[in-house]
Protein backbone atom coordinates (compact mmCIF):
# COMPACT_ATOMS: atom_id res chain seq x y z
CA MET A 1 0.00 0.00 0.00
CA ARG A 2 2.90 2.32 0.79
CA LEU A 3 4.55 1.45 -2.53
CA LYS A 4 1.38 2.34 -4.45
CA THR A 5 1.17 5.74 -2.73
CA THR A 6 4.80 6.44 -3.58
CA LYS A 7 4.22 5.71 -7.26
CA ASN A 8 1.21 8.03 -7.33
CA GLU A 9 3.24 10.79 -5.71
CA GLU A 10 6.03 10.34 -8.26
CA LYS A 11 3.55 10.45 -11.11
CA LYS A 12 2.01 13.64 -9.74
CA ALA A 13 5.44 15.22 -9.41
CA VAL A 14 6.24 14.44 -13.04
CA GLU A 15 2.91 15.88 -14.21
CA GLU A 16 3.55 19.11 -12.30
CA GLU A 17 7.04 19.53 -13.71
CA ARG A 18 7.76 22.61 -15.82
CA ARG A 19 10.77 23.48 -17.98
CA CYS A 20 13.54 26.04 -17.80
CA VAL A 21 13.23 28.16 -20.94
CA ASN A 22 17.01 28.56 -21.16
CA CYS A 23 18.31 24.98 -21.07
CA GLY A 24 15.09 22.93 -21.23
CA ARG A 25 15.69 21.08 -17.96
CA GLY A 26 12.75 20.20 -15.73
CA ILE A 27 11.94 22.37 -12.74
CA LYS A 28 9.13 21.74 -10.27
CA THR A 29 8.42 25.35 -9.33
CA LEU A 30 8.80 28.41 -11.55
CA PHE A 31 8.01 30.98 -8.88
CA VAL A 32 7.11 31.41 -5.24
CA GLN A 33 4.11 33.61 -4.41
CA TYR A 34 4.30 35.42 -1.09
CA SER A 35 1.11 37.44 -1.56
CA PRO A 36 -1.17 38.43 -4.47
CA GLY A 37 1.04 40.24 -6.99
CA ASN A 38 4.21 39.54 -4.99
CA ILE A 39 6.20 36.67 -6.47
CA ARG A 40 9.83 35.61 -6.72
CA LEU A 41 11.04 33.83 -9.84
CA MET A 42 13.01 30.64 -9.24
CA LYS A 43 16.40 29.90 -10.78
CA CYS A 44 17.29 26.74 -12.66
CA ASP A 45 19.65 24.39 -10.83
CA ASN A 46 21.32 23.49 -14.13
CA CYS A 47 22.06 26.83 -15.85
CA LYS A 48 21.71 29.05 -12.74
CA ALA A 49 19.54 31.53 -14.68
CA VAL A 50 15.95 32.58 -14.02
CA ALA A 51 13.90 29.57 -15.15
CA ASP A 52 11.11 31.49 -16.90
CA PRO A 53 11.26 35.32 -17.06
CA TYR A 54 8.22 35.30 -19.40
CA ILE A 55 5.99 34.87 -16.34
CA GLU A 56 6.29 38.60 -15.69
CA CYS A 57 5.93 39.60 -19.37
CA GLU A 58 2.85 40.76 -21.21
CA PHE A 59 1.38 38.42 -23.79
CA MET A 60 2.33 40.79 -26.63
CA ILE A 61 6.02 40.41 -25.74
CA ILE A 62 5.65 36.63 -25.78
CA LEU A 63 3.89 36.81 -29.15
CA ILE A 64 6.69 38.96 -30.62
CA ASP A 65 9.32 36.47 -29.44
CA LEU A 66 7.26 33.63 -30.94
CA ILE A 67 7.19 35.46 -34.27
CA LEU A 68 10.96 35.93 -33.97
CA HIS A 69 11.26 32.13 -33.48
CA LYS A 70 12.96 32.30 -30.09
CA THR A 71 13.23 28.84 -28.53
CA LYS A 72 12.76 30.33 -25.05
CA ALA A 73 9.32 31.63 -26.01
CA TYR A 74 8.35 28.26 -27.48
CA ARG A 75 9.46 26.43 -24.32
CA HIS A 76 7.38 28.84 -22.25
CA LEU A 77 4.32 28.35 -24.47
CA LEU A 78 4.52 24.58 -24.89
CA TYR A 79 5.64 23.50 -21.43
CA ASN A 80 4.99 26.25 -18.89
CA MET A 81 1.69 27.55 -20.28
CA LEU A 82 0.16 24.43 -21.87
CA ASN A 83 2.25 21.81 -20.01
CA LEU A 84 2.67 19.16 -22.72
CA ASP A 85 4.05 16.76 -20.10
CA ALA A 86 0.66 16.53 -18.41
CA ASP A 87 -1.89 13.81 -19.17
CA ASP A 88 -4.90 16.17 -19.30
CA THR A 89 -4.08 17.79 -22.67
CA LYS A 90 -6.96 16.09 -24.49
CA GLY A 91 -9.07 19.26 -24.52
CA VAL A 92 -6.22 21.38 -25.85
CA PHE A 93 -5.44 18.76 -28.49
CA LEU A 94 -9.04 18.57 -29.73
CA LYS A 95 -9.49 22.34 -29.86
CA SER A 96 -6.15 22.84 -31.61
CA SER A 97 -7.00 20.14 -34.16
CA PHE A 98 -10.39 21.67 -34.91
CA VAL A 99 -8.93 25.16 -35.44
CA TYR A 100 -6.07 23.75 -37.50
CA PHE A 101 -8.36 21.80 -39.85
CA LEU A 102 -10.74 24.76 -40.14
CA LEU A 103 -7.91 27.12 -41.12
CA ASP A 104 -6.59 24.52 -43.53
CA ALA A 105 -10.01 24.39 -45.18
CA CYS A 106 -9.85 28.19 -45.53
CA ARG A 107 -6.47 27.82 -47.20
CA ILE A 108 -7.79 25.27 -49.71
CA SER A 109 -10.76 27.53 -50.42
CA LEU A 110 -8.44 30.47 -51.13
CA ILE A 111 -6.32 28.37 -53.49
CA SER A 112 -9.42 27.14 -55.30
CA ASN A 113 -10.80 30.69 -55.58
CA SER A 114 -7.51 31.93 -57.01
CA ARG A 115 -7.69 29.24 -59.67
CA ASP A 116 -11.40 29.80 -60.38
CA ASP A 117 -12.14 26.19 -59.48
CA TRP A 118 -15.47 26.99 -57.88
CA ASP A 119 -18.63 26.71 -59.94
CA SER A 120 -20.82 29.83 -59.58
CA SER A 121 -24.04 28.13 -60.66
CA GLY A 122 -25.35 28.15 -57.09
CA SER A 123 -26.72 24.60 -57.33
CA PRO A 124 -27.02 22.74 -54.00
CA LEU A 125 -25.37 19.66 -55.53
CA VAL A 126 -22.44 21.75 -56.71
CA SER A 127 -22.09 23.27 -53.23
CA ILE A 128 -22.09 19.83 -51.64
CA TRP A 129 -19.52 18.60 -54.17
CA THR A 130 -17.35 21.66 -53.48
CA CYS A 131 -17.45 21.09 -49.72
CA GLY A 132 -16.64 17.43 -50.33
CA LYS A 133 -13.57 18.42 -52.36
CA VAL A 134 -12.32 20.68 -49.59
CA LEU A 135 -12.95 18.06 -46.90
CA MET A 136 -11.21 15.32 -48.88
CA ASP A 137 -8.25 17.58 -49.60
CA VAL A 138 -7.90 18.61 -45.94
CA LEU A 139 -8.13 15.05 -44.60
CA LEU A 140 -5.84 13.46 -47.18
CA GLY A 141 -3.29 16.27 -47.13
CA ASN A 142 -3.02 16.28 -43.35
CA PHE A 143 -2.85 12.48 -43.22
CA VAL A 144 0.20 12.64 -45.47
CA PHE A 145 1.59 15.55 -43.43
CA ILE A 146 1.25 13.75 -40.10
CA SER A 147 2.65 10.51 -41.54
CA VAL A 148 5.78 12.26 -42.82
CA ILE A 149 6.26 14.07 -39.49
CA VAL A 150 6.01 10.84 -37.48
CA LEU A 151 8.10 8.71 -39.86
CA GLY A 152 10.70 11.45 -40.32
CA THR A 153 11.01 11.97 -36.58
CA LYS A 154 11.34 8.24 -35.98
CA PHE A 155 13.75 7.28 -38.76
CA LEU A 156 15.52 10.43 -39.96
CA LEU A 157 16.01 11.88 -36.48
CA ASP A 158 16.33 8.39 -34.93
CA LEU A 159 13.96 9.16 -32.04
CA SER A 160 12.00 6.42 -30.29
CA LEU A 161 8.29 7.19 -30.26
CA ASP A 162 5.27 6.01 -28.30
CA ILE A 163 1.67 7.22 -28.20
CA THR A 164 2.37 9.89 -25.59
CA ARG A 165 5.45 11.13 -27.46
CA CYS A 166 3.60 11.27 -30.79
CA LYS A 167 0.75 13.21 -29.17
CA GLU A 168 3.23 15.66 -27.68
CA ILE A 169 4.92 16.24 -31.05
CA MET A 170 1.65 16.64 -32.95
CA LEU A 171 0.28 19.07 -30.35
CA ALA A 172 3.45 21.15 -30.68
CA ILE A 173 3.05 21.15 -34.49
CA LEU A 174 -0.61 22.19 -34.25
CA ILE A 175 0.04 25.02 -31.81
CA SER A 176 3.08 26.30 -33.71
CA SER A 177 0.90 26.70 -36.83
CA TYR A 178 -0.73 29.75 -35.23
CA PHE A 179 0.31 31.99 -38.15
CA LYS A 180 -2.47 30.34 -40.19
CA LEU A 181 -4.84 32.65 -38.32
CA PHE A 182 -3.93 35.29 -40.90
CA LEU A 183 -5.89 33.20 -43.40
CA ILE A 184 -9.05 34.56 -41.77
CA ALA A 185 -8.04 38.06 -42.83
CA MET A 186 -7.50 36.78 -46.38
CA MET A 187 -11.06 35.45 -46.39
CA VAL A 188 -12.35 38.96 -45.59
CA TRP A 189 -9.98 41.23 -47.50
CA GLU A 190 -8.28 40.68 -50.83
CA PHE A 191 -4.57 39.83 -50.72
CA PRO A 192 -2.19 38.72 -53.47
CA SER A 193 -1.74 34.96 -53.76
CA SER A 194 1.92 35.36 -52.76
CA VAL A 195 0.73 35.96 -49.17
CA LEU A 196 -0.30 32.29 -49.02
CA PHE A 197 3.27 31.30 -49.83
CA ILE A 198 4.61 33.64 -47.12
CA ILE A 199 2.23 32.14 -44.55
CA ASP A 200 3.23 28.59 -45.54
CA VAL A 201 6.94 29.42 -45.18
CA PHE A 202 6.37 31.01 -41.78
CA VAL A 203 4.34 28.02 -40.57
CA LEU A 204 7.08 25.65 -41.79
CA SER A 205 9.82 27.49 -39.90
CA SER A 206 7.65 27.76 -36.80
CA ASN A 207 6.93 24.02 -36.91
CA ALA A 208 10.67 23.33 -37.15
CA VAL A 209 11.40 25.42 -34.04
CA ALA A 210 8.59 23.71 -32.09
CA LEU A 211 9.83 20.26 -33.18
CA ARG A 212 13.34 21.18 -32.07
CA VAL A 213 12.05 22.32 -28.67
CA VAL A 214 10.04 19.13 -28.12
CA THR A 215 12.63 16.65 -29.40
CA GLN A 216 15.77 18.60 -28.34
CA LEU A 217 17.46 17.62 -31.61
CA GLN A 218 19.46 19.53 -34.20
CA THR A 219 17.81 22.40 -36.06
CA ALA A 220 18.84 21.10 -39.51
CA GLY A 221 17.21 17.71 -38.96
CA CYS A 222 13.97 19.21 -37.61
CA LEU A 223 13.86 21.65 -40.54
CA ALA A 224 14.38 18.80 -43.01
CA VAL A 225 11.52 16.77 -41.48
CA CYS A 226 9.13 19.73 -41.51
CA PHE A 227 10.13 20.70 -45.05
CA GLY A 228 9.51 17.15 -46.26
CA ALA A 229 6.12 17.04 -44.53
CA HIS A 230 4.99 20.38 -45.97
CA ALA A 231 6.29 19.46 -49.44
CA ALA A 232 4.40 16.15 -49.35
CA LYS A 233 1.25 17.93 -48.19
CA LEU A 234 1.58 20.58 -50.92
CA PHE A 235 2.03 17.89 -53.55
CA THR A 236 -1.04 16.05 -52.23
CA ASP A 237 -3.10 19.26 -52.25
CA ARG A 238 -2.13 20.03 -55.85
CA TRP A 239 -2.76 16.45 -56.96
CA VAL A 240 -6.17 16.20 -55.26
CA LEU A 241 -7.32 19.58 -56.58
CA HIS A 242 -6.16 18.70 -60.09
CA LEU A 243 -7.80 15.27 -59.96
CA LEU A 244 -11.11 16.50 -58.58
CA SER A 245 -11.16 19.47 -60.96
CA GLY A 246 -10.72 17.04 -63.85
CA VAL A 247 -13.62 14.95 -62.58
CA THR A 248 -15.80 18.06 -62.31
CA MET A 249 -14.87 19.16 -65.83
CA ARG A 250 -15.76 15.76 -67.29
CA LYS A 251 -19.15 15.81 -65.54
CA MET A 252 -19.84 19.29 -66.92
CA LEU A 253 -18.93 18.15 -70.45
CA LEU A 254 -21.15 15.08 -70.18
CA THR A 255 -24.12 17.14 -69.03
């Protein structure tokens, strides 16, 4: 009975562990609160620096450092704010996945609009077919994307993976794709198609930094894995859109 209690206490200690944003080592307490608004930041036992100075920073400063691709900001976001080491990240994972797939559908819609792939007849069947094309493209493209990320991390980076580790990596990839939020602005206002390319490049580099933070591997290897995943997804998107557009054209010719 004593042994069981000890294991539960150890598990709870691991779940409550945070990370030093400087060296990435685990630290149980980031700060000590003496009274409301009166805290003292703790120092890391490994690097002897303040474990997480972002605790006292405004969110806008954190966002700027995320845009600048600072690994410290990504460690703060992924481990000290969201706590990827915890077991109760199911809600965050589901919400992040929903937003990610929704923004990806917006991206496919923008690409289709730029190519005049949509049929303006206003028929309900055409609308259903159009939504089906977007859904198929999003699901197939992201299936290829996730497969390349997992396989590349396992074989190219030679990292052993389990279910928990895969979930941690995918959650980091989803959250680091936050720059796709600018696609909402493109749905409202007109932007040149080159902005899509800029957003894709920024998301790729952000994914590489997040993968490096989670796996603690070399930047070049993480960038290669993310580049391969995005290239495979882009190829799948182009192939699916071309294939389904050809099917639509043949149906229009037959009718």
